[in-house]
Protein backbone atom coordinates (compact mmCIF):
# COMPACT_ATOMS: atom_id res chain seq x y z
CA THR A 1 59.47 203.92 166.69
CA PRO A 2 57.93 207.05 168.11
CA PRO A 3 59.91 208.16 171.17
CA VAL A 4 58.76 207.55 174.73
CA VAL A 5 59.82 209.82 177.59
CA GLN A 6 60.70 208.07 180.83
CA GLY A 7 60.10 209.44 184.32
CA ASN A 8 63.69 210.68 184.57
CA GLY A 9 63.37 212.65 181.32
CA ASN A 10 65.38 210.21 179.21
CA THR A 11 63.93 209.33 175.81
CA VAL A 12 63.61 205.78 174.45
CA THR A 13 63.32 204.99 170.74
CA GLY A 14 63.24 201.65 168.91
CA THR A 15 64.93 200.97 165.58
CA LEU A 16 64.14 198.77 162.59
CA ASP A 17 67.30 196.76 163.21
CA GLY A 18 66.18 195.74 166.71
CA TYR A 19 67.80 198.25 169.05
CA LEU A 20 66.23 200.25 171.83
CA THR A 21 68.17 203.49 172.11
CA PHE A 22 68.26 205.72 175.18
CA THR A 23 68.95 209.46 175.03
CA ALA A 24 69.52 211.50 178.19
CA ARG A 25 67.81 214.84 178.85
CA ASN A 26 71.02 216.62 177.83
CA PHE A 27 71.02 214.66 174.51
CA ASP A 28 73.90 212.36 175.53
CA GLN A 29 73.54 208.92 173.93
CA LEU A 30 73.23 206.18 176.57
CA PRO A 31 73.94 202.45 175.98
CA ALA A 32 71.44 200.75 173.67
CA VAL A 33 69.83 197.32 174.06
CA GLY A 34 69.84 195.11 170.97
CA ASN A 35 68.52 191.87 169.51
CA LEU A 36 64.86 192.80 170.13
CA GLY A 37 63.51 192.13 166.62
CA THR A 38 62.14 194.67 164.16
CA LEU A 39 60.77 197.56 166.23
CA THR A 40 58.05 199.82 164.81
CA ALA A 41 55.62 200.19 167.76
CA ALA A 42 56.43 202.68 170.53
CA PRO A 43 57.55 201.06 173.79
CA THR A 44 54.91 201.03 176.53
CA ARG A 45 55.84 202.36 179.96
CA LEU A 46 54.41 200.49 182.93
CA ALA A 47 53.52 202.29 186.17
CA ASP A 48 56.69 201.01 187.86
CA GLY A 49 58.89 202.39 185.05
CA ARG A 50 59.54 199.13 183.19
CA LEU A 51 59.19 199.18 179.43
CA ILE A 52 57.26 196.69 177.31
CA VAL A 53 58.66 196.40 173.78
CA ILE A 54 56.94 194.37 171.07
CA SER A 55 58.63 193.49 167.78
CA ARG A 56 56.81 193.11 164.46
CA GLU A 57 57.51 189.38 164.72
CA GLY A 58 55.57 189.19 168.02
CA ARG A 59 58.51 188.98 170.43
CA ILE A 60 57.59 190.77 173.65
CA THR A 61 60.32 192.05 175.96
CA SER A 62 60.27 193.72 179.38
CA LEU A 63 63.14 196.03 180.28
CA SER A 64 64.05 197.63 183.58
CA GLY A 65 66.64 200.35 183.15
CA GLY A 66 68.71 198.96 180.29
CA ASP A 67 68.35 195.31 181.32
CA ILE A 68 66.07 192.70 179.75
CA THR A 69 64.03 191.17 182.57
CA TRP A 70 61.62 188.94 180.60
CA GLN A 71 60.86 187.82 177.04
CA SER A 72 58.13 185.77 175.43
CA GLN A 73 56.89 184.98 171.94
CA LEU A 74 53.33 185.86 170.98
CA VAL A 75 51.23 184.18 168.30
CA GLY A 76 51.07 186.40 165.21
CA LYS A 77 52.65 189.66 164.14
CA THR A 78 52.00 193.23 165.21
CA ILE A 79 52.82 196.87 164.61
CA ALA A 80 50.80 197.99 167.66
CA SER A 81 52.04 199.18 171.03
CA ALA A 82 50.71 197.55 174.18
CA ALA A 83 48.25 199.40 176.42
CA ALA A 84 48.97 199.35 180.16
CA SER A 85 46.90 199.87 183.29
CA CYS A 86 48.22 199.63 186.83
CA THR A 87 47.66 195.88 187.00
CA TYR A 88 47.55 194.59 183.41
CA PHE A 89 48.90 195.23 179.96
CA PHE A 90 47.15 194.34 176.74
CA VAL A 91 48.69 193.22 173.45
CA SER A 92 47.09 192.90 170.01
CA THR A 93 48.63 190.72 167.31
CA SER A 94 47.31 189.51 163.97
CA ASP A 95 46.19 186.25 165.61
CA GLU A 96 45.44 186.95 169.27
CA PHE A 97 44.61 189.48 171.97
CA VAL A 98 46.44 188.81 175.25
CA THR A 99 46.09 190.28 178.74
CA PHE A 100 49.20 190.03 180.95
CA ASP A 101 49.51 190.56 184.71
CA VAL A 102 52.17 193.26 185.27
CA LYS A 103 53.50 191.63 188.47
CA THR A 104 53.87 188.04 187.26
CA MET A 105 54.23 188.78 183.52
CA LEU A 106 51.97 185.78 182.90
CA PRO A 107 49.03 185.84 180.49
CA VAL A 108 45.72 185.91 182.36
CA ALA A 109 43.43 185.96 179.31
CA ARG A 110 43.87 185.15 175.65
CA LEU A 111 41.42 185.59 172.77
CA LEU A 112 42.21 184.10 169.38
CA TRP A 113 41.12 186.33 166.50
CA VAL A 114 41.93 187.26 162.91
CA GLY A 115 43.09 190.61 161.55
CA GLY A 116 44.43 192.26 164.71
CA GLY A 117 47.79 193.84 165.39
CA LEU A 118 47.28 196.95 163.27
CA SER A 119 46.13 199.29 166.05
CA SER A 120 46.95 199.55 169.74
CA PRO A 121 44.39 198.63 172.39
CA VAL A 122 42.94 201.55 174.36
CA ILE A 123 41.86 201.66 178.00
CA GLY A 124 38.85 203.87 178.69
CA SER A 125 38.29 205.90 181.85
CA GLY A 126 35.90 203.27 183.23
CA GLY A 127 38.47 200.50 182.84
CA TYR A 128 36.98 199.08 179.63
CA VAL A 129 39.55 197.93 177.07
CA TYR A 130 38.89 198.55 173.38
CA ALA A 131 40.66 196.70 170.56
CA ILE A 132 40.13 196.32 166.80
CA ALA A 133 40.52 193.23 164.63
CA SER A 134 39.10 192.60 161.14
CA ASP A 135 37.36 196.00 161.13
CA SER A 136 35.42 195.05 164.28
CA LEU A 137 35.57 196.79 167.64
CA PHE A 138 35.97 194.47 170.63
CA VAL A 139 35.07 195.80 174.09
CA PHE A 140 36.35 194.05 177.22
CA ALA A 141 34.78 194.90 180.59
CA PRO A 142 36.99 195.62 183.61
CA PRO A 143 37.21 192.92 186.31
CA LEU A 144 34.20 192.72 188.63
CA TYR A 145 36.49 193.10 191.65
CA SER A 146 37.85 196.43 190.36
CA ARG A 147 37.97 199.10 193.06
CA GLY A 148 36.70 201.69 190.61
CA ILE A 149 39.84 203.82 190.68
CA THR A 150 41.67 204.94 187.60
CA ALA A 151 45.01 205.94 189.16
CA CYS A 152 47.66 203.48 190.29
CA ASP A 153 48.27 202.91 193.98
CA MET A 154 51.33 205.14 193.90
CA PRO A 155 52.18 208.23 195.92
CA THR A 156 50.57 211.44 194.74
CA THR A 157 51.59 215.01 195.45
CA LYS A 158 49.43 217.14 197.71
CA PRO A 159 49.54 220.94 197.64
CA GLY A 160 52.86 222.05 199.09
CA GLY A 161 54.80 219.12 197.58
CA VAL A 162 53.93 216.58 200.30
CA PHE A 163 53.53 212.97 199.15
CA SER A 164 50.70 210.75 200.27
CA GLN A 165 49.78 207.12 199.61
């Protein structure tokens, strides 16, 4: 898979034989996690640092550090990475489009379709989610209760290096 850089500078890469490899900033090889299925889509990093990994076979896995914290099987196959906002992540497979809550890891919406899973969903600046299936663009509106912010409720740095919430 394409590499993904974590907040600590380590790099994560998936392999065809189902391993997620971790490389430290100094290029030391860290322990790998295996038995994840055929990996071709880049892992998706959630705001809290967890990784969402999706195999070609539709197995979805959440990892925290190097530990598997959750797994589920999707309907259909995919070569697309998930897209993540602060509160949800979105997955496209050949047969369905699924929205998951990042806190509970439960699906909150599911749309059955045909011909998806070839491109990753995209989240626009207004919170709209865009996905493609069967050469058609699907546009999903953000929740009505959205606060209209685009950044996660995490500390930010003010001038002078002071953190605020």
